[in-house]
Amino acid sequence: MNAELHRRLLCLNADLAATRLSPEDAIWLACDLLVAEVNTPAVVQLASASPKSTYTAEAARLVEQLLVELGVEPMTPRQASWWFARDVARLMAAGKLDREDGENELWALGVELGNADLMPGRLSPAEIVRTADERLRTWTA
């Protein structure tokens, strides 16, 4: 599996943990995995599903199975919070997201996914990126 497919798989894993899973995204990833000759039973079943008629619960069940088949440990909500927070913090550090909006997004992630470290004032955007990278490296190795 190439780096881009691996990144998308981790993103799907985070979406699943945060109950933000999009059946359409899961199906497209499964199709791309098939093209890359990753053809486990769950990948095949998910790739053959209809993006318009697949319910989130069914897609979630198949994604859970897909993760098991590929040997990927499912993320916890707290791990997913670091995944999403890293993206928000990167945007803040690059000046693409103003401080107030970024802090509001981080606060919402912290509350939604149970991560008090993301509350405003606890860590700077650079510290969030560094901490997230360190933690995600061990969780997704």
C-alpha atoms as a PDB file:
ATOM      1  CA  MET A   1       0.000   0.000   0.000  1.00  0.00           C
ATOM      2  CA  ASN A   2       1.449   3.379  -0.953  1.00  0.00           C
ATOM      3  CA  ALA A   3       1.821   6.308   1.465  1.00  0.00           C
ATOM      4  CA  GLU A   4      -1.267   8.152   0.200  1.00  0.00           C
ATOM      5  CA  LEU A   5      -3.520   5.105   0.616  1.00  0.00           C
ATOM      6  CA  HIS A   6      -2.056   4.544   4.082  1.00  0.00           C
ATOM      7  CA  ARG A   7      -2.777   8.189   5.024  1.00  0.00           C
ATOM      8  CA  ARG A   8      -6.354   7.856   3.761  1.00  0.00           C
ATOM      9  CA  LEU A   9      -6.774   4.608   5.697  1.00  0.00           C
ATOM     10  CA  LEU A  10      -5.627   6.346   8.885  1.00  0.00           C
ATOM     11  CA  CYS A  11      -8.003   9.231   8.180  1.00  0.00           C
ATOM     12  CA  LEU A  12     -10.848   6.747   7.732  1.00  0.00           C
ATOM     13  CA  ASN A  13      -9.810   5.115  11.007  1.00  0.00           C
ATOM     14  CA  ALA A  14      -9.968   8.510  12.768  1.00  0.00           C
ATOM     15  CA  ASP A  15     -13.351   9.278  11.182  1.00  0.00           C
ATOM     16  CA  LEU A  16     -14.668   5.940  12.432  1.00  0.00           C
ATOM     17  CA  ALA A  17     -13.425   6.597  15.986  1.00  0.00           C
ATOM     18  CA  ALA A  18     -14.962  10.067  15.983  1.00  0.00           C
ATOM     19  CA  THR A  19     -18.256   8.801  14.512  1.00  0.00           C
ATOM     20  CA  ARG A  20     -17.726  11.044  11.471  1.00  0.00           C
ATOM     21  CA  LEU A  21     -17.525   8.237   8.939  1.00  0.00           C
ATOM     22  CA  SER A  22     -18.673   9.020   5.410  1.00  0.00           C
ATOM     23  CA  PRO A  23     -19.857   5.866   3.601  1.00  0.00           C
ATOM     24  CA  GLU A  24     -18.893   7.470   0.291  1.00  0.00           C
ATOM     25  CA  ASP A  25     -15.297   8.119   1.435  1.00  0.00           C
ATOM     26  CA  ALA A  26     -15.033   4.566   2.770  1.00  0.00           C
ATOM     27  CA  ILE A  27     -16.287   3.113  -0.504  1.00  0.00           C
ATOM     28  CA  TRP A  28     -13.915   5.222  -2.624  1.00  0.00           C
ATOM     29  CA  LEU A  29     -10.975   4.193  -0.467  1.00  0.00           C
ATOM     30  CA  ALA A  30     -11.980   0.538  -0.812  1.00  0.00           C
ATOM     31  CA  CYS A  31     -12.101   0.945  -4.607  1.00  0.00           C
ATOM     32  CA  ASP A  32      -8.636   2.500  -4.592  1.00  0.00           C
ATOM     33  CA  LEU A  33      -7.359  -0.305  -2.353  1.00  0.00           C
ATOM     34  CA  LEU A  34      -8.654  -2.836  -4.887  1.00  0.00           C
ATOM     35  CA  VAL A  35      -6.831  -1.028  -7.684  1.00  0.00           C
ATOM     36  CA  ALA A  36      -3.690  -1.282  -5.520  1.00  0.00           C
ATOM     37  CA  GLU A  37      -4.341  -5.037  -5.274  1.00  0.00           C
ATOM     38  CA  VAL A  38      -5.347  -4.959  -1.608  1.00  0.00           C
ATOM     39  CA  ASN A  39      -8.311  -7.308  -1.899  1.00  0.00           C
ATOM     40  CA  THR A  40      -9.466  -8.609   1.452  1.00  0.00           C
ATOM     41  CA  PRO A  41     -13.112  -9.693   1.832  1.00  0.00           C
ATOM     42  CA  ALA A  42     -14.107  -6.413   3.529  1.00  0.00           C
ATOM     43  CA  VAL A  43     -12.333  -4.327   0.885  1.00  0.00           C
ATOM     44  CA  VAL A  44     -14.177  -6.205  -1.870  1.00  0.00           C
ATOM     45  CA  GLN A  45     -17.534  -5.937  -0.107  1.00  0.00           C
ATOM     46  CA  LEU A  46     -17.098  -2.237   0.665  1.00  0.00           C
ATOM     47  CA  ALA A  47     -15.874  -1.457  -2.867  1.00  0.00           C
ATOM     48  CA  SER A  48     -18.954  -3.137  -4.317  1.00  0.00           C
ATOM     49  CA  ALA A  49     -21.343  -1.122  -2.127  1.00  0.00           C
ATOM     50  CA  SER A  50     -23.367   1.782  -3.478  1.00  0.00           C
ATOM     51  CA  PRO A  51     -22.327   5.209  -2.164  1.00  0.00           C
ATOM     52  CA  LYS A  52     -25.933   6.369  -2.429  1.00  0.00           C
ATOM     53  CA  SER A  53     -27.622   3.515  -0.579  1.00  0.00           C
ATOM     54  CA  THR A  54     -25.066   2.356   1.991  1.00  0.00           C
ATOM     55  CA  TYR A  55     -25.966   3.378   5.519  1.00  0.00           C
ATOM     56  CA  THR A  56     -23.288   4.712   7.844  1.00  0.00           C
ATOM     57  CA  ALA A  57     -23.748   1.800  10.266  1.00  0.00           C
ATOM     58  CA  GLU A  58     -23.140  -0.752   7.505  1.00  0.00           C
ATOM     59  CA  ALA A  59     -20.098   1.148   6.219  1.00  0.00           C
ATOM     60  CA  ALA A  60     -18.757   1.389   9.789  1.00  0.00           C
ATOM     61  CA  ARG A  61     -19.102  -2.371  10.270  1.00  0.00           C
ATOM     62  CA  LEU A  62     -17.221  -3.006   7.032  1.00  0.00           C
ATOM     63  CA  VAL A  63     -14.518  -0.462   7.886  1.00  0.00           C
ATOM     64  CA  GLU A  64     -14.030  -2.135  11.277  1.00  0.00           C
ATOM     65  CA  GLN A  65     -13.662  -5.482   9.477  1.00  0.00           C
ATOM     66  CA  LEU A  66     -11.321  -3.930   6.900  1.00  0.00           C
ATOM     67  CA  LEU A  67      -9.058  -2.562   9.652  1.00  0.00           C
ATOM     68  CA  VAL A  68      -8.866  -5.999  11.278  1.00  0.00           C
ATOM     69  CA  GLU A  69      -8.094  -7.686   7.951  1.00  0.00           C
ATOM     70  CA  LEU A  70      -5.316  -5.182   7.242  1.00  0.00           C
ATOM     71  CA  GLY A  71      -3.885  -5.461  10.762  1.00  0.00           C
ATOM     72  CA  VAL A  72      -4.607  -1.823  11.616  1.00  0.00           C
ATOM     73  CA  GLU A  73      -5.483  -1.126  15.245  1.00  0.00           C
ATOM     74  CA  PRO A  74      -8.725   0.895  15.453  1.00  0.00           C
ATOM     75  CA  MET A  75      -8.183   4.373  16.899  1.00  0.00           C
ATOM     76  CA  THR A  76      -9.839   5.451  20.100  1.00  0.00           C
ATOM     77  CA  PRO A  77     -11.734   8.759  20.180  1.00  0.00           C
ATOM     78  CA  ARG A  78      -8.777  10.316  22.045  1.00  0.00           C
ATOM     79  CA  GLN A  79      -6.345   9.162  19.349  1.00  0.00           C
ATOM     80  CA  ALA A  80      -8.681  10.542  16.691  1.00  0.00           C
ATOM     81  CA  SER A  81      -8.760  13.877  18.532  1.00  0.00           C
ATOM     82  CA  TRP A  82      -4.982  14.168  18.084  1.00  0.00           C
ATOM     83  CA  TRP A  83      -5.320  13.268  14.383  1.00  0.00           C
ATOM     84  CA  PHE A  84      -7.839  16.072  13.771  1.00  0.00           C
ATOM     85  CA  ALA A  85      -6.165  18.552  16.151  1.00  0.00           C
ATOM     86  CA  ARG A  86      -2.890  18.234  14.271  1.00  0.00           C
ATOM     87  CA  ASP A  87      -4.593  19.405  11.066  1.00  0.00           C
ATOM     88  CA  VAL A  88      -6.243  22.359  12.836  1.00  0.00           C
ATOM     89  CA  ALA A  89      -2.972  23.342  14.527  1.00  0.00           C
ATOM     90  CA  ARG A  90      -1.087  23.149  11.220  1.00  0.00           C
ATOM     91  CA  LEU A  91      -3.611  25.519   9.630  1.00  0.00           C
ATOM     92  CA  MET A  92      -3.277  27.900  12.591  1.00  0.00           C
ATOM     93  CA  ALA A  93       0.534  27.818  12.437  1.00  0.00           C
ATOM     94  CA  ALA A  94       0.447  28.507   8.685  1.00  0.00           C
ATOM     95  CA  GLY A  95      -1.873  31.490   9.189  1.00  0.00           C
ATOM     96  CA  LYS A  96      -4.669  29.823   7.212  1.00  0.00           C
ATOM     97  CA  LEU A  97      -6.975  29.664  10.237  1.00  0.00           C
ATOM     98  CA  ASP A  98      -7.184  32.549  12.683  1.00  0.00           C
ATOM     99  CA  ARG A  99      -6.443  31.941  16.336  1.00  0.00           C
ATOM    100  CA  GLU A 100      -9.999  32.332  17.637  1.00  0.00           C
ATOM    101  CA  ASP A 101     -11.531  29.998  15.054  1.00  0.00           C
ATOM    102  CA  GLY A 102      -8.733  27.485  15.561  1.00  0.00           C
ATOM    103  CA  GLU A 103      -9.122  27.532  19.337  1.00  0.00           C
ATOM    104  CA  ASN A 104     -12.877  27.066  18.936  1.00  0.00           C
ATOM    105  CA  GLU A 105     -12.295  24.027  16.706  1.00  0.00           C
ATOM    106  CA  LEU A 106      -9.746  22.590  19.132  1.00  0.00           C
ATOM    107  CA  TRP A 107     -12.101  23.175  22.068  1.00  0.00           C
ATOM    108  CA  ALA A 108     -14.933  21.408  20.212  1.00  0.00           C
ATOM    109  CA  LEU A 109     -12.638  18.464  19.411  1.00  0.00           C
ATOM    110  CA  GLY A 110     -11.504  18.281  23.024  1.00  0.00           C
ATOM    111  CA  VAL A 111     -15.065  18.232  24.316  1.00  0.00           C
ATOM    112  CA  GLU A 112     -16.427  15.897  21.629  1.00  0.00           C
ATOM    113  CA  LEU A 113     -13.610  13.372  21.872  1.00  0.00           C
ATOM    114  CA  GLY A 114     -12.587  13.702  25.528  1.00  0.00           C
ATOM    115  CA  ASN A 115      -9.178  15.360  25.246  1.00  0.00           C
ATOM    116  CA  ALA A 116      -8.611  18.149  27.796  1.00  0.00           C
ATOM    117  CA  ASP A 117      -5.156  18.835  26.313  1.00  0.00           C
ATOM    118  CA  LEU A 118      -6.906  20.549  23.403  1.00  0.00           C
ATOM    119  CA  MET A 119      -8.594  23.199  25.552  1.00  0.00           C
ATOM    120  CA  PRO A 120      -7.518  26.769  24.678  1.00  0.00           C
ATOM    121  CA  GLY A 121      -4.296  27.851  26.344  1.00  0.00           C
ATOM    122  CA  ARG A 122      -3.092  24.358  27.220  1.00  0.00           C
ATOM    123  CA  LEU A 123      -0.771  23.866  24.229  1.00  0.00           C
ATOM    124  CA  SER A 124       0.383  26.115  21.402  1.00  0.00           C
ATOM    125  CA  PRO A 125      -0.336  25.037  17.821  1.00  0.00           C
ATOM    126  CA  ALA A 126       3.321  23.995  17.438  1.00  0.00           C
ATOM    127  CA  GLU A 127       3.104  21.920  20.633  1.00  0.00           C
ATOM    128  CA  ILE A 128      -0.102  20.283  19.407  1.00  0.00           C
ATOM    129  CA  VAL A 129       1.533  19.335  16.091  1.00  0.00           C
ATOM    130  CA  ARG A 130       4.641  17.979  17.841  1.00  0.00           C
ATOM    131  CA  THR A 131       2.643  16.042  20.454  1.00  0.00           C
ATOM    132  CA  ALA A 132       0.218  14.679  17.870  1.00  0.00           C
ATOM    133  CA  ASP A 133       3.062  13.574  15.596  1.00  0.00           C
ATOM    134  CA  GLU A 134       4.803  11.786  18.485  1.00  0.00           C
ATOM    135  CA  ARG A 135       1.650  10.035  19.646  1.00  0.00           C
ATOM    136  CA  LEU A 136       0.358   9.157  16.200  1.00  0.00           C
ATOM    137  CA  ARG A 137       3.736   7.735  15.225  1.00  0.00           C
ATOM    138  CA  THR A 138       3.485   5.171  18.028  1.00  0.00           C
ATOM    139  CA  TRP A 139      -0.228   4.481  17.487  1.00  0.00           C
ATOM    140  CA  THR A 140      -0.094   4.043  13.719  1.00  0.00           C
ATOM    141  CA  ALA A 141       3.254   2.329  13.246  1.00  0.00           C
END
